[in-house]
């Protein structure tokens, strides 16, 4: 995956969600367990769709008789969050394909980047389960919303 699109500052993300690291999220080293960053990314995706005014991704795509499925995730860890720290989950759509899109979530402690996560979603037809082109209205809505335009494959 091309990570040049990851070089964006916190200000380049339209969606910011602050959370506090809880005890159940840390491991024996007293840092956030690596798998929990995927939970944070899921919060980021949900909040992204909420900011678009759609609430959840499922109902948004169901209006077209489609849904999305997570098909690929890449994570780079740059630093560690610790118990009781406030972190910011930032999210943006970074790329569109014909039948897929990618959400870039970055986790920050203040301005320090802790993690970059890219989640690729396949857009599928509910009846056949096969890949189907993204709705043009979704692409247009995201392009209007974003500060930094997503790449287009």
C-alpha atoms as a PDB file:
ATOM      1  CA  UNK A   1       0.000   0.000   0.000  1.00  0.00           C
ATOM      2  CA  UNK A   2       1.229   3.503  -0.822  1.00  0.00           C
ATOM      3  CA  UNK A   3       1.898   5.185   2.518  1.00  0.00           C
ATOM      4  CA  UNK A   4       2.739   8.608   1.052  1.00  0.00           C
ATOM      5  CA  UNK A   5      -0.908   9.498   1.679  1.00  0.00           C
ATOM      6  CA  UNK A   6      -0.301   8.991   5.426  1.00  0.00           C
ATOM      7  CA  UNK A   7       1.811  12.139   5.677  1.00  0.00           C
ATOM      8  CA  UNK A   8      -1.034  14.360   6.837  1.00  0.00           C
ATOM      9  CA  UNK A   9      -1.254  16.484   9.956  1.00  0.00           C
ATOM     10  CA  UNK A  10      -4.001  16.329  12.542  1.00  0.00           C
ATOM     11  CA  UNK A  11      -5.476  19.483  10.989  1.00  0.00           C
ATOM     12  CA  UNK A  12      -5.936  17.662   7.650  1.00  0.00           C
ATOM     13  CA  UNK A  13      -8.484  15.321   9.236  1.00  0.00           C
ATOM     14  CA  UNK A  14     -12.070  16.603   9.389  1.00  0.00           C
ATOM     15  CA  UNK A  15     -13.134  14.140  12.084  1.00  0.00           C
ATOM     16  CA  UNK A  16     -11.542  14.136  15.561  1.00  0.00           C
ATOM     17  CA  UNK A  17     -12.833  12.018  18.432  1.00  0.00           C
ATOM     18  CA  UNK A  18     -11.168  12.336  21.850  1.00  0.00           C
ATOM     19  CA  UNK A  19     -11.089   9.294  24.128  1.00  0.00           C
ATOM     20  CA  UNK A  20      -9.360   8.446  27.374  1.00  0.00           C
ATOM     21  CA  UNK A  21      -7.299   5.243  27.570  1.00  0.00           C
ATOM     22  CA  UNK A  22      -9.038   2.857  29.973  1.00  0.00           C
ATOM     23  CA  UNK A  23      -7.511   0.174  32.172  1.00  0.00           C
ATOM     24  CA  UNK A  24      -8.899  -2.705  30.107  1.00  0.00           C
ATOM     25  CA  UNK A  25      -7.110  -1.342  26.998  1.00  0.00           C
ATOM     26  CA  UNK A  26      -3.568  -1.631  28.375  1.00  0.00           C
ATOM     27  CA  UNK A  27      -1.297  -4.655  28.523  1.00  0.00           C
ATOM     28  CA  UNK A  28       1.384  -5.891  30.929  1.00  0.00           C
ATOM     29  CA  UNK A  29       3.742  -3.161  29.700  1.00  0.00           C
ATOM     30  CA  UNK A  30       1.187  -0.521  30.792  1.00  0.00           C
ATOM     31  CA  UNK A  31       0.658   0.678  27.232  1.00  0.00           C
ATOM     32  CA  UNK A  32      -2.328   0.240  24.944  1.00  0.00           C
ATOM     33  CA  UNK A  33      -2.398  -3.341  23.672  1.00  0.00           C
ATOM     34  CA  UNK A  34      -1.692  -3.257  19.928  1.00  0.00           C
ATOM     35  CA  UNK A  35      -5.021  -4.848  18.930  1.00  0.00           C
ATOM     36  CA  UNK A  36      -6.968  -2.085  20.656  1.00  0.00           C
ATOM     37  CA  UNK A  37      -5.834   0.391  18.033  1.00  0.00           C
ATOM     38  CA  UNK A  38      -8.222  -1.412  15.645  1.00  0.00           C
ATOM     39  CA  UNK A  39     -11.040  -0.732  18.121  1.00  0.00           C
ATOM     40  CA  UNK A  40     -10.032   2.936  18.099  1.00  0.00           C
ATOM     41  CA  UNK A  41     -10.049   2.898  14.284  1.00  0.00           C
ATOM     42  CA  UNK A  42     -13.569   1.453  14.320  1.00  0.00           C
ATOM     43  CA  UNK A  43     -14.633   4.384  16.509  1.00  0.00           C
ATOM     44  CA  UNK A  44     -13.024   6.689  13.954  1.00  0.00           C
ATOM     45  CA  UNK A  45     -14.950   5.141  11.048  1.00  0.00           C
ATOM     46  CA  UNK A  46     -18.246   5.352  12.948  1.00  0.00           C
ATOM     47  CA  UNK A  47     -17.626   8.989  13.871  1.00  0.00           C
ATOM     48  CA  UNK A  48     -16.678   9.758  10.269  1.00  0.00           C
ATOM     49  CA  UNK A  49     -20.050   8.544   9.006  1.00  0.00           C
ATOM     50  CA  UNK A  50     -21.785  10.360  11.861  1.00  0.00           C
ATOM     51  CA  UNK A  51     -20.032  13.578  10.784  1.00  0.00           C
ATOM     52  CA  UNK A  52     -21.272  12.995   7.220  1.00  0.00           C
ATOM     53  CA  UNK A  53     -24.747  12.964   8.761  1.00  0.00           C
ATOM     54  CA  UNK A  54     -25.271   9.272   8.117  1.00  0.00           C
ATOM     55  CA  UNK A  55     -24.802   7.813  11.607  1.00  0.00           C
ATOM     56  CA  UNK A  56     -23.528   4.353  10.687  1.00  0.00           C
ATOM     57  CA  UNK A  57     -22.010   3.062   7.438  1.00  0.00           C
ATOM     58  CA  UNK A  58     -24.400   0.085   7.138  1.00  0.00           C
ATOM     59  CA  UNK A  59     -27.671   2.038   6.908  1.00  0.00           C
ATOM     60  CA  UNK A  60     -26.053   4.531   4.544  1.00  0.00           C
ATOM     61  CA  UNK A  61     -25.176   1.849   1.989  1.00  0.00           C
ATOM     62  CA  UNK A  62     -28.338  -0.209   2.563  1.00  0.00           C
ATOM     63  CA  UNK A  63     -30.311   2.542   0.806  1.00  0.00           C
ATOM     64  CA  UNK A  64     -28.528   1.406  -2.380  1.00  0.00           C
ATOM     65  CA  UNK A  65     -29.052  -2.318  -1.691  1.00  0.00           C
ATOM     66  CA  UNK A  66     -25.350  -2.580  -0.871  1.00  0.00           C
ATOM     67  CA  UNK A  67     -23.039  -2.858   2.110  1.00  0.00           C
ATOM     68  CA  UNK A  68     -19.340  -2.642   2.859  1.00  0.00           C
ATOM     69  CA  UNK A  69     -16.920  -5.259   4.127  1.00  0.00           C
ATOM     70  CA  UNK A  70     -13.509  -4.689   5.630  1.00  0.00           C
ATOM     71  CA  UNK A  71     -11.007  -6.470   3.400  1.00  0.00           C
ATOM     72  CA  UNK A  72      -7.577  -5.152   4.373  1.00  0.00           C
ATOM     73  CA  UNK A  73      -5.927  -3.304   7.246  1.00  0.00           C
ATOM     74  CA  UNK A  74      -2.422  -1.880   7.607  1.00  0.00           C
ATOM     75  CA  UNK A  75      -1.057  -0.416  10.822  1.00  0.00           C
ATOM     76  CA  UNK A  76       2.132   1.482  11.583  1.00  0.00           C
ATOM     77  CA  UNK A  77       2.940   2.064  15.247  1.00  0.00           C
ATOM     78  CA  UNK A  78       4.993   5.185  16.012  1.00  0.00           C
ATOM     79  CA  UNK A  79       4.455   5.554  19.769  1.00  0.00           C
ATOM     80  CA  UNK A  80       2.437   4.186  22.657  1.00  0.00           C
ATOM     81  CA  UNK A  81      -0.548   5.520  24.555  1.00  0.00           C
ATOM     82  CA  UNK A  82      -0.720   4.909  28.284  1.00  0.00           C
ATOM     83  CA  UNK A  83      -3.415   4.519  30.909  1.00  0.00           C
ATOM     84  CA  UNK A  84      -5.604   7.581  31.470  1.00  0.00           C
ATOM     85  CA  UNK A  85      -4.068   9.610  28.622  1.00  0.00           C
ATOM     86  CA  UNK A  86      -6.409  11.492  26.343  1.00  0.00           C
ATOM     87  CA  UNK A  87      -5.873  10.549  22.725  1.00  0.00           C
ATOM     88  CA  UNK A  88      -7.483  11.775  19.543  1.00  0.00           C
ATOM     89  CA  UNK A  89      -8.778   9.420  16.871  1.00  0.00           C
ATOM     90  CA  UNK A  90      -8.672  11.256  13.543  1.00  0.00           C
ATOM     91  CA  UNK A  91     -10.298   9.820  10.427  1.00  0.00           C
ATOM     92  CA  UNK A  92     -10.671  10.625   6.747  1.00  0.00           C
ATOM     93  CA  UNK A  93     -11.427   8.853   3.499  1.00  0.00           C
ATOM     94  CA  UNK A  94      -8.049   8.731   1.797  1.00  0.00           C
ATOM     95  CA  UNK A  95      -8.736   6.784  -1.388  1.00  0.00           C
ATOM     96  CA  UNK A  96     -11.491   5.705  -3.750  1.00  0.00           C
ATOM     97  CA  UNK A  97     -11.358   2.719  -6.037  1.00  0.00           C
ATOM     98  CA  UNK A  98     -14.120   1.738  -8.435  1.00  0.00           C
ATOM     99  CA  UNK A  99     -15.644  -0.757  -5.966  1.00  0.00           C
ATOM    100  CA  UNK A 100     -13.802   0.117  -2.761  1.00  0.00           C
ATOM    101  CA  UNK A 101     -12.623   2.929  -0.544  1.00  0.00           C
ATOM    102  CA  UNK A 102     -10.025   3.378   2.171  1.00  0.00           C
ATOM    103  CA  UNK A 103     -10.333   5.147   5.511  1.00  0.00           C
ATOM    104  CA  UNK A 104      -7.157   6.486   7.099  1.00  0.00           C
ATOM    105  CA  UNK A 105      -7.311   6.728  10.876  1.00  0.00           C
ATOM    106  CA  UNK A 106      -4.487   8.250  12.857  1.00  0.00           C
ATOM    107  CA  UNK A 107      -4.163   8.251  16.628  1.00  0.00           C
ATOM    108  CA  UNK A 108      -2.582  11.301  18.245  1.00  0.00           C
ATOM    109  CA  UNK A 109      -1.565  12.305  21.757  1.00  0.00           C
ATOM    110  CA  UNK A 110      -1.745  16.076  21.467  1.00  0.00           C
ATOM    111  CA  UNK A 111       0.182  16.644  18.206  1.00  0.00           C
ATOM    112  CA  UNK A 112       2.293  13.464  18.508  1.00  0.00           C
ATOM    113  CA  UNK A 113       1.293  10.806  15.984  1.00  0.00           C
ATOM    114  CA  UNK A 114       1.074   7.412  17.693  1.00  0.00           C
ATOM    115  CA  UNK A 115      -0.429   5.203  15.015  1.00  0.00           C
ATOM    116  CA  UNK A 116      -1.542   5.209  11.377  1.00  0.00           C
ATOM    117  CA  UNK A 117      -4.193   2.735  10.285  1.00  0.00           C
ATOM    118  CA  UNK A 118      -5.634   2.234   6.819  1.00  0.00           C
ATOM    119  CA  UNK A 119      -8.784   0.176   6.434  1.00  0.00           C
ATOM    120  CA  UNK A 120      -9.914  -0.831   2.956  1.00  0.00           C
ATOM    121  CA  UNK A 121     -13.592  -1.578   2.435  1.00  0.00           C
ATOM    122  CA  UNK A 122     -15.106  -3.490  -0.457  1.00  0.00           C
ATOM    123  CA  UNK A 123     -18.476  -2.201  -1.640  1.00  0.00           C
ATOM    124  CA  UNK A 124     -20.738  -5.208  -2.215  1.00  0.00           C
ATOM    125  CA  UNK A 125     -24.189  -5.961  -3.543  1.00  0.00           C
ATOM    126  CA  UNK A 126     -26.414  -7.335  -0.750  1.00  0.00           C
ATOM    127  CA  UNK A 127     -28.078  -9.920  -2.996  1.00  0.00           C
ATOM    128  CA  UNK A 128     -25.082 -11.379  -4.811  1.00  0.00           C
ATOM    129  CA  UNK A 129     -22.320 -10.552  -2.339  1.00  0.00           C
ATOM    130  CA  UNK A 130     -20.180  -9.442  -5.267  1.00  0.00           C
ATOM    131  CA  UNK A 131     -18.270  -6.206  -5.670  1.00  0.00           C
ATOM    132  CA  UNK A 132     -20.257  -3.326  -7.099  1.00  0.00           C
ATOM    133  CA  UNK A 133     -19.270   0.248  -8.039  1.00  0.00           C
ATOM    134  CA  UNK A 134     -19.393   2.882  -5.310  1.00  0.00           C
ATOM    135  CA  UNK A 135     -22.393   5.217  -5.534  1.00  0.00           C
ATOM    136  CA  UNK A 136     -21.452   8.495  -7.200  1.00  0.00           C
ATOM    137  CA  UNK A 137     -23.414  10.357  -4.528  1.00  0.00           C
ATOM    138  CA  UNK A 138     -21.179   8.863  -1.803  1.00  0.00           C
ATOM    139  CA  UNK A 139     -18.022   9.912  -3.644  1.00  0.00           C
ATOM    140  CA  UNK A 140     -19.407  13.422  -4.205  1.00  0.00           C
ATOM    141  CA  UNK A 141     -20.491  13.752  -0.570  1.00  0.00           C
ATOM    142  CA  UNK A 142     -17.055  12.728   0.720  1.00  0.00           C
ATOM    143  CA  UNK A 143     -15.284  15.064  -1.737  1.00  0.00           C
ATOM    144  CA  UNK A 144     -17.405  17.985  -0.504  1.00  0.00           C
ATOM    145  CA  UNK A 145     -16.718  17.066   3.122  1.00  0.00           C
ATOM    146  CA  UNK A 146     -12.952  16.449   3.062  1.00  0.00           C
ATOM    147  CA  UNK A 147     -10.285  19.108   3.559  1.00  0.00           C
ATOM    148  CA  UNK A 148      -7.815  17.022   1.573  1.00  0.00           C
ATOM    149  CA  UNK A 149      -9.287  15.248  -1.438  1.00  0.00           C
ATOM    150  CA  UNK A 150      -9.026  11.456  -1.487  1.00  0.00           C
ATOM    151  CA  UNK A 151      -6.863   9.847  -4.139  1.00  0.00           C
ATOM    152  CA  UNK A 152      -8.777   8.190  -6.973  1.00  0.00           C
ATOM    153  CA  UNK A 153      -7.651   4.862  -8.469  1.00  0.00           C
END
